[in-house]
Amino acid sequence: MTRGAVRLAILGAAAIIATAAAQEMTNTLSAKEKADGWRLLFDGKTTAGWRGFRQKTLPGGWQAVNGTLTRVGQAGDIVTIDEFGDFDLMLEWSVPSNGNSGIHYRVSEDDEVMWHQAPEYQIIDNAYKEPLKPGQYTGANYDLHPPSRDVTKPIGAWNMTRLIVRGAHVEHWLNGVKVVEYDIASPDFKARVAASKFKAWPQFAASKSGHIALQNHGNEVWYRNLKIRPL
């Protein structure tokens, strides 16, 4: 074996080891995170802790695959079994070309349609096949607050989302950048709702606590490292 071939083999082995190490760290909590009150919403191996929106079980179209919570087939929206009021939520996600999903919070199941009452952290391919309005880009408070800028990573890469909800104050973070901030009780928020499609549902954003939900939009989507810290 030539010196160049040996070097390539060493680099290849190092890459495999690094990948394996990264996978071992996925869907886990550090000792500090545990001490700080974080908990996993997905163990990386099962779909425990999740069910379909207004259902008792999880739709078969959502599965745990290779350390990800994945929409693999026909399915509806899914929610955490537990409910949360004020919280700090972190997760990673990836979508394919033209992929579309979202994270809803403080989800009530009083209405048959989730988005009638629960705000959404938008997740989408920003080069979507249909033209997007500013409030429809990734990181937006869907249809109400556009992200301050585009900090998404290329299709196929993992993006990091952080959603902080404390009382009426909400922050959307994407890949370490705060892209949206709003106050549900503010006149500005109420004016935006009144000028949107949500005006038809007076219960929109009214819940003080509820489920965390992952939206099914008919596309593949992959989630991992879902963790939450009640505030």
C-alpha atoms as a PDB file:
ATOM      1  CA  MET A   1       0.000   0.000   0.000  1.00  0.00           C
ATOM      2  CA  THR A   2       1.351   3.413  -0.940  1.00  0.00           C
ATOM      3  CA  ARG A   3       1.880   6.194   1.602  1.00  0.00           C
ATOM      4  CA  GLY A   4      -1.057   8.111   0.055  1.00  0.00           C
ATOM      5  CA  ALA A   5      -3.333   5.091   0.312  1.00  0.00           C
ATOM      6  CA  VAL A   6      -2.371   4.582   3.948  1.00  0.00           C
ATOM      7  CA  ARG A   7      -3.136   8.237   4.688  1.00  0.00           C
ATOM      8  CA  LEU A   8      -6.563   7.951   3.012  1.00  0.00           C
ATOM      9  CA  ALA A   9      -7.316   4.793   4.969  1.00  0.00           C
ATOM     10  CA  ILE A  10      -6.404   6.512   8.242  1.00  0.00           C
ATOM     11  CA  LEU A  11      -8.560   9.520   7.390  1.00  0.00           C
ATOM     12  CA  GLY A  12     -11.447   7.228   6.448  1.00  0.00           C
ATOM     13  CA  ALA A  13     -11.169   5.328   9.708  1.00  0.00           C
ATOM     14  CA  ALA A  14     -11.031   8.591  11.658  1.00  0.00           C
ATOM     15  CA  ALA A  15     -14.182   9.799   9.891  1.00  0.00           C
ATOM     16  CA  ILE A  16     -15.995   6.576  10.761  1.00  0.00           C
ATOM     17  CA  ILE A  17     -14.962   6.865  14.406  1.00  0.00           C
ATOM     18  CA  ALA A  18     -16.040  10.524  14.538  1.00  0.00           C
ATOM     19  CA  THR A  19     -19.418   9.667  12.991  1.00  0.00           C
ATOM     20  CA  ALA A  20     -19.968   6.838  15.462  1.00  0.00           C
ATOM     21  CA  ALA A  21     -19.049   9.113  18.368  1.00  0.00           C
ATOM     22  CA  ALA A  22     -21.475  11.780  17.135  1.00  0.00           C
ATOM     23  CA  GLN A  23     -24.261   9.215  16.858  1.00  0.00           C
ATOM     24  CA  GLU A  24     -23.618   8.076  20.436  1.00  0.00           C
ATOM     25  CA  MET A  25     -24.094  11.670  21.612  1.00  0.00           C
ATOM     26  CA  THR A  26     -27.353  12.102  19.669  1.00  0.00           C
ATOM     27  CA  ASN A  27     -30.614  11.998  21.630  1.00  0.00           C
ATOM     28  CA  THR A  28     -28.810  12.101  24.953  1.00  0.00           C
ATOM     29  CA  LEU A  29     -28.476  14.605  27.785  1.00  0.00           C
ATOM     30  CA  SER A  30     -25.248  15.665  29.439  1.00  0.00           C
ATOM     31  CA  ALA A  31     -24.936  15.619  33.213  1.00  0.00           C
ATOM     32  CA  LYS A  32     -25.170  19.417  33.212  1.00  0.00           C
ATOM     33  CA  GLU A  33     -28.335  19.392  31.094  1.00  0.00           C
ATOM     34  CA  LYS A  34     -29.942  16.929  33.476  1.00  0.00           C
ATOM     35  CA  ALA A  35     -28.944  19.078  36.437  1.00  0.00           C
ATOM     36  CA  ASP A  36     -30.378  22.145  34.696  1.00  0.00           C
ATOM     37  CA  GLY A  37     -33.765  20.440  34.295  1.00  0.00           C
ATOM     38  CA  TRP A  38     -33.678  19.345  30.656  1.00  0.00           C
ATOM     39  CA  ARG A  39     -35.505  16.186  29.583  1.00  0.00           C
ATOM     40  CA  LEU A  40     -35.624  14.295  26.306  1.00  0.00           C
ATOM     41  CA  LEU A  41     -38.811  14.244  24.226  1.00  0.00           C
ATOM     42  CA  PHE A  42     -37.405  11.487  21.989  1.00  0.00           C
ATOM     43  CA  ASP A  43     -35.096   8.666  23.076  1.00  0.00           C
ATOM     44  CA  GLY A  44     -33.812   7.985  19.552  1.00  0.00           C
ATOM     45  CA  LYS A  45     -35.080   4.413  19.512  1.00  0.00           C
ATOM     46  CA  THR A  46     -38.844   4.467  20.122  1.00  0.00           C
ATOM     47  CA  THR A  47     -41.780   6.824  19.674  1.00  0.00           C
ATOM     48  CA  ALA A  48     -42.620   6.717  23.377  1.00  0.00           C
ATOM     49  CA  GLY A  49     -44.118   9.975  24.613  1.00  0.00           C
ATOM     50  CA  TRP A  50     -45.849  10.823  21.320  1.00  0.00           C
ATOM     51  CA  ARG A  51     -49.306  10.193  19.847  1.00  0.00           C
ATOM     52  CA  GLY A  52     -51.423  11.520  17.029  1.00  0.00           C
ATOM     53  CA  PHE A  53     -53.240  14.838  17.439  1.00  0.00           C
ATOM     54  CA  ARG A  54     -56.646  13.979  18.956  1.00  0.00           C
ATOM     55  CA  GLN A  55     -55.675  10.299  18.826  1.00  0.00           C
ATOM     56  CA  LYS A  56     -54.712   7.736  21.447  1.00  0.00           C
ATOM     57  CA  THR A  57     -51.851   6.210  19.476  1.00  0.00           C
ATOM     58  CA  LEU A  58     -49.155   7.339  17.058  1.00  0.00           C
ATOM     59  CA  PRO A  59     -49.943   7.174  13.308  1.00  0.00           C
ATOM     60  CA  GLY A  60     -47.891   4.531  11.526  1.00  0.00           C
ATOM     61  CA  GLY A  61     -46.505   7.183   9.183  1.00  0.00           C
ATOM     62  CA  TRP A  62     -44.311   8.513  12.006  1.00  0.00           C
ATOM     63  CA  GLN A  63     -41.487   6.204  13.105  1.00  0.00           C
ATOM     64  CA  ALA A  64     -38.162   6.125  14.901  1.00  0.00           C
ATOM     65  CA  VAL A  65     -35.596   5.540  12.139  1.00  0.00           C
ATOM     66  CA  ASN A  66     -31.808   5.672  12.556  1.00  0.00           C
ATOM     67  CA  GLY A  67     -31.991   7.921  15.589  1.00  0.00           C
ATOM     68  CA  THR A  68     -34.585  10.280  14.119  1.00  0.00           C
ATOM     69  CA  LEU A  69     -38.303  10.846  14.636  1.00  0.00           C
ATOM     70  CA  THR A  70     -39.352  10.700  11.018  1.00  0.00           C
ATOM     71  CA  ARG A  71     -42.439  11.187   8.897  1.00  0.00           C
ATOM     72  CA  VAL A  72     -42.105   8.227   6.538  1.00  0.00           C
ATOM     73  CA  GLY A  73     -45.624   7.850   5.163  1.00  0.00           C
ATOM     74  CA  GLN A  74     -49.261   8.900   5.294  1.00  0.00           C
ATOM     75  CA  ALA A  75     -49.840  10.422   8.702  1.00  0.00           C
ATOM     76  CA  GLY A  76     -51.326  13.341  10.595  1.00  0.00           C
ATOM     77  CA  ASP A  77     -49.842  15.805  13.055  1.00  0.00           C
ATOM     78  CA  ILE A  78     -48.360  14.364  16.254  1.00  0.00           C
ATOM     79  CA  VAL A  79     -48.192  15.743  19.793  1.00  0.00           C
ATOM     80  CA  THR A  80     -46.346  15.057  23.008  1.00  0.00           C
ATOM     81  CA  ILE A  81     -48.381  13.130  25.526  1.00  0.00           C
ATOM     82  CA  ASP A  82     -47.266  15.602  28.178  1.00  0.00           C
ATOM     83  CA  GLU A  83     -48.283  19.269  28.236  1.00  0.00           C
ATOM     84  CA  PHE A  84     -46.105  22.312  28.822  1.00  0.00           C
ATOM     85  CA  GLY A  85     -46.755  25.942  29.692  1.00  0.00           C
ATOM     86  CA  ASP A  86     -43.511  27.926  29.877  1.00  0.00           C
ATOM     87  CA  PHE A  87     -40.526  26.131  28.418  1.00  0.00           C
ATOM     88  CA  ASP A  88     -37.241  26.187  26.534  1.00  0.00           C
ATOM     89  CA  LEU A  89     -37.358  23.713  23.617  1.00  0.00           C
ATOM     90  CA  MET A  90     -34.384  22.659  21.504  1.00  0.00           C
ATOM     91  CA  LEU A  91     -34.273  20.257  18.587  1.00  0.00           C
ATOM     92  CA  GLU A  92     -32.583  19.537  15.276  1.00  0.00           C
ATOM     93  CA  TRP A  93     -34.424  19.011  12.009  1.00  0.00           C
ATOM     94  CA  SER A  94     -33.795  18.340   8.339  1.00  0.00           C
ATOM     95  CA  VAL A  95     -36.097  18.495   5.320  1.00  0.00           C
ATOM     96  CA  PRO A  96     -35.671  17.384   1.699  1.00  0.00           C
ATOM     97  CA  SER A  97     -36.081  19.669  -1.278  1.00  0.00           C
ATOM     98  CA  ASN A  98     -39.589  21.201  -1.095  1.00  0.00           C
ATOM     99  CA  GLY A  99     -39.986  19.839   2.419  1.00  0.00           C
ATOM    100  CA  ASN A 100     -42.476  21.496   4.758  1.00  0.00           C
ATOM    101  CA  SER A 101     -43.259  20.994   8.452  1.00  0.00           C
ATOM    102  CA  GLY A 102     -43.523  23.027  11.635  1.00  0.00           C
ATOM    103  CA  ILE A 103     -43.582  23.050  15.416  1.00  0.00           C
ATOM    104  CA  HIS A 104     -46.752  24.092  17.240  1.00  0.00           C
ATOM    105  CA  TYR A 105     -46.823  24.859  20.937  1.00  0.00           C
ATOM    106  CA  ARG A 106     -49.404  25.076  23.735  1.00  0.00           C
ATOM    107  CA  VAL A 107     -51.586  22.866  21.583  1.00  0.00           C
ATOM    108  CA  SER A 108     -55.139  22.323  22.763  1.00  0.00           C
ATOM    109  CA  GLU A 109     -57.242  19.552  21.267  1.00  0.00           C
ATOM    110  CA  ASP A 110     -60.550  21.388  21.606  1.00  0.00           C
ATOM    111  CA  ASP A 111     -60.559  22.171  17.865  1.00  0.00           C
ATOM    112  CA  GLU A 112     -60.342  19.599  15.079  1.00  0.00           C
ATOM    113  CA  VAL A 113     -57.650  21.657  13.336  1.00  0.00           C
ATOM    114  CA  MET A 114     -54.415  22.281  15.202  1.00  0.00           C
ATOM    115  CA  TRP A 115     -53.431  25.570  13.575  1.00  0.00           C
ATOM    116  CA  HIS A 116     -56.776  27.141  14.443  1.00  0.00           C
ATOM    117  CA  GLN A 117     -55.492  27.643  17.972  1.00  0.00           C
ATOM    118  CA  ALA A 118     -51.740  26.943  18.218  1.00  0.00           C
ATOM    119  CA  PRO A 119     -48.991  29.241  16.852  1.00  0.00           C
ATOM    120  CA  GLU A 120     -46.365  27.646  14.625  1.00  0.00           C
ATOM    121  CA  TYR A 121     -42.603  27.850  14.324  1.00  0.00           C
ATOM    122  CA  GLN A 122     -42.304  27.397  10.556  1.00  0.00           C
ATOM    123  CA  ILE A 123     -39.981  24.785   9.039  1.00  0.00           C
ATOM    124  CA  ILE A 124     -39.704  24.659   5.253  1.00  0.00           C
ATOM    125  CA  ASP A 125     -37.327  24.568   2.303  1.00  0.00           C
ATOM    126  CA  ASN A 126     -36.968  28.315   1.679  1.00  0.00           C
ATOM    127  CA  ALA A 127     -36.634  27.543  -2.029  1.00  0.00           C
ATOM    128  CA  TYR A 128     -40.081  25.942  -1.937  1.00  0.00           C
ATOM    129  CA  LYS A 129     -41.806  25.079  -5.217  1.00  0.00           C
ATOM    130  CA  GLU A 130     -44.479  27.714  -4.564  1.00  0.00           C
ATOM    131  CA  PRO A 131     -43.697  31.393  -3.864  1.00  0.00           C
ATOM    132  CA  LEU A 132     -43.468  32.122  -0.135  1.00  0.00           C
ATOM    133  CA  LYS A 133     -44.583  35.219   1.709  1.00  0.00           C
ATOM    134  CA  PRO A 134     -42.146  36.686   4.268  1.00  0.00           C
ATOM    135  CA  GLY A 135     -44.111  35.123   7.122  1.00  0.00           C
ATOM    136  CA  GLN A 136     -43.763  31.659   5.590  1.00  0.00           C
ATOM    137  CA  TYR A 137     -39.978  31.299   5.628  1.00  0.00           C
ATOM    138  CA  THR A 138     -38.212  28.993   8.071  1.00  0.00           C
ATOM    139  CA  GLY A 139     -38.084  30.400  11.578  1.00  0.00           C
ATOM    140  CA  ALA A 140     -41.188  32.563  11.119  1.00  0.00           C
ATOM    141  CA  ASN A 141     -44.083  32.704  13.509  1.00  0.00           C
ATOM    142  CA  TYR A 142     -46.147  31.358  10.652  1.00  0.00           C
ATOM    143  CA  ASP A 143     -48.060  34.017   8.702  1.00  0.00           C
ATOM    144  CA  LEU A 144     -47.542  36.603  11.452  1.00  0.00           C
ATOM    145  CA  HIS A 145     -43.856  37.401  12.070  1.00  0.00           C
ATOM    146  CA  PRO A 146     -41.236  36.852   9.343  1.00  0.00           C
ATOM    147  CA  PRO A 147     -37.696  35.845  10.358  1.00  0.00           C
ATOM    148  CA  SER A 148     -35.224  38.721  10.558  1.00  0.00           C
ATOM    149  CA  ARG A 149     -32.928  36.909   8.112  1.00  0.00           C
ATOM    150  CA  ASP A 150     -32.291  33.565   6.461  1.00  0.00           C
ATOM    151  CA  VAL A 151     -29.828  31.484   8.462  1.00  0.00           C
ATOM    152  CA  THR A 152     -30.952  28.062   7.246  1.00  0.00           C
ATOM    153  CA  LYS A 153     -28.371  25.468   6.269  1.00  0.00           C
ATOM    154  CA  PRO A 154     -28.381  23.704   2.863  1.00  0.00           C
ATOM    155  CA  ILE A 155     -30.962  21.015   2.153  1.00  0.00           C
ATOM    156  CA  GLY A 156     -29.821  17.744   3.709  1.00  0.00           C
ATOM    157  CA  ALA A 157     -27.998  19.443   6.601  1.00  0.00           C
ATOM    158  CA  TRP A 158     -29.213  19.561  10.180  1.00  0.00           C
ATOM    159  CA  ASN A 159     -30.649  22.832  11.486  1.00  0.00           C
ATOM    160  CA  MET A 160     -30.909  23.734  15.159  1.00  0.00           C
ATOM    161  CA  THR A 161     -34.151  25.264  16.429  1.00  0.00           C
ATOM    162  CA  ARG A 162     -34.739  26.796  19.829  1.00  0.00           C
ATOM    163  CA  LEU A 163     -38.179  27.936  20.934  1.00  0.00           C
ATOM    164  CA  ILE A 164     -38.469  29.837  24.206  1.00  0.00           C
ATOM    165  CA  VAL A 165     -41.959  30.481  25.603  1.00  0.00           C
ATOM    166  CA  ARG A 166     -42.286  32.303  28.910  1.00  0.00           C
ATOM    167  CA  GLY A 167     -45.694  33.734  29.732  1.00  0.00           C
ATOM    168  CA  ALA A 168     -46.710  35.836  26.735  1.00  0.00           C
ATOM    169  CA  HIS A 169     -43.121  36.288  25.543  1.00  0.00           C
ATOM    170  CA  VAL A 170     -41.899  34.046  22.703  1.00  0.00           C
ATOM    171  CA  GLU A 171     -38.519  33.789  20.967  1.00  0.00           C
ATOM    172  CA  HIS A 172     -37.668  31.834  17.811  1.00  0.00           C
ATOM    173  CA  TRP A 173     -33.988  30.902  17.397  1.00  0.00           C
ATOM    174  CA  LEU A 174     -32.446  29.238  14.357  1.00  0.00           C
ATOM    175  CA  ASN A 175     -28.864  27.981  14.206  1.00  0.00           C
ATOM    176  CA  GLY A 176     -27.873  30.207  17.108  1.00  0.00           C
ATOM    177  CA  VAL A 177     -29.564  33.375  15.798  1.00  0.00           C
ATOM    178  CA  LYS A 178     -32.711  34.929  17.265  1.00  0.00           C
ATOM    179  CA  VAL A 179     -34.876  35.459  14.181  1.00  0.00           C
ATOM    180  CA  VAL A 180     -38.288  36.272  15.733  1.00  0.00           C
ATOM    181  CA  GLU A 181     -39.468  37.741  19.025  1.00  0.00           C
ATOM    182  CA  TYR A 182     -43.026  38.643  19.990  1.00  0.00           C
ATOM    183  CA  ASP A 183     -45.458  39.097  22.838  1.00  0.00           C
ATOM    184  CA  ILE A 184     -48.807  37.327  22.550  1.00  0.00           C
ATOM    185  CA  ALA A 185     -50.485  39.911  24.799  1.00  0.00           C
ATOM    186  CA  SER A 186     -49.197  42.927  22.852  1.00  0.00           C
ATOM    187  CA  PRO A 187     -51.337  45.215  20.652  1.00  0.00           C
ATOM    188  CA  ASP A 188     -48.942  44.446  17.780  1.00  0.00           C
ATOM    189  CA  PHE A 189     -49.587  40.704  18.030  1.00  0.00           C
ATOM    190  CA  LYS A 190     -53.335  41.217  18.215  1.00  0.00           C
ATOM    191  CA  ALA A 191     -53.242  43.527  15.185  1.00  0.00           C
ATOM    192  CA  ARG A 192     -51.280  40.969  13.169  1.00  0.00           C
ATOM    193  CA  VAL A 193     -53.760  38.230  14.071  1.00  0.00           C
ATOM    194  CA  ALA A 194     -56.689  40.498  13.132  1.00  0.00           C
ATOM    195  CA  ALA A 195     -55.131  41.008   9.698  1.00  0.00           C
ATOM    196  CA  SER A 196     -54.477  37.290   9.141  1.00  0.00           C
ATOM    197  CA  LYS A 197     -56.476  34.130   8.499  1.00  0.00           C
ATOM    198  CA  PHE A 198     -56.317  33.401  12.238  1.00  0.00           C
ATOM    199  CA  LYS A 199     -58.836  36.147  12.952  1.00  0.00           C
ATOM    200  CA  ALA A 200     -61.611  33.616  12.312  1.00  0.00           C
ATOM    201  CA  TRP A 201     -60.629  31.649  15.432  1.00  0.00           C
ATOM    202  CA  PRO A 202     -60.823  33.646  18.685  1.00  0.00           C
ATOM    203  CA  GLN A 203     -59.111  30.804  20.540  1.00  0.00           C
ATOM    204  CA  PHE A 204     -55.895  31.286  18.546  1.00  0.00           C
ATOM    205  CA  ALA A 205     -52.850  31.598  20.860  1.00  0.00           C
ATOM    206  CA  ALA A 206     -55.144  31.716  23.907  1.00  0.00           C
ATOM    207  CA  SER A 207     -53.930  28.558  25.645  1.00  0.00           C
ATOM    208  CA  LYS A 208     -51.525  29.018  28.559  1.00  0.00           C
ATOM    209  CA  SER A 209     -50.268  25.448  28.283  1.00  0.00           C
ATOM    210  CA  GLY A 210     -50.637  22.469  25.989  1.00  0.00           C
ATOM    211  CA  HIS A 211     -48.842  19.902  23.892  1.00  0.00           C
ATOM    212  CA  ILE A 212     -45.776  20.338  21.688  1.00  0.00           C
ATOM    213  CA  ALA A 213     -46.683  19.257  18.155  1.00  0.00           C
ATOM    214  CA  LEU A 214     -44.828  18.297  14.979  1.00  0.00           C
ATOM    215  CA  GLN A 215     -46.719  19.098  11.823  1.00  0.00           C
ATOM    216  CA  ASN A 216     -47.391  16.665   9.011  1.00  0.00           C
ATOM    217  CA  HIS A 217     -47.445  18.477   5.675  1.00  0.00           C
ATOM    218  CA  GLY A 218     -47.285  15.484   3.341  1.00  0.00           C
ATOM    219  CA  ASN A 219     -43.475  15.487   3.141  1.00  0.00           C
ATOM    220  CA  GLU A 220     -40.582  13.620   4.666  1.00  0.00           C
ATOM    221  CA  VAL A 221     -39.059  15.395   7.651  1.00  0.00           C
ATOM    222  CA  TRP A 222     -36.493  14.276  10.202  1.00  0.00           C
ATOM    223  CA  TYR A 223     -36.217  15.376  13.852  1.00  0.00           C
ATOM    224  CA  ARG A 224     -33.629  14.478  16.477  1.00  0.00           C
ATOM    225  CA  ASN A 225     -32.198  15.739  19.774  1.00  0.00           C
ATOM    226  CA  LEU A 226     -35.618  16.921  20.946  1.00  0.00           C
ATOM    227  CA  LYS A 227     -35.208  18.229  24.479  1.00  0.00           C
ATOM    228  CA  ILE A 228     -37.212  20.555  26.694  1.00  0.00           C
ATOM    229  CA  ARG A 229     -36.694  22.437  29.949  1.00  0.00           C
ATOM    230  CA  PRO A 230     -39.810  23.645  31.752  1.00  0.00           C
ATOM    231  CA  LEU A 231     -39.393  27.242  32.922  1.00  0.00           C
END
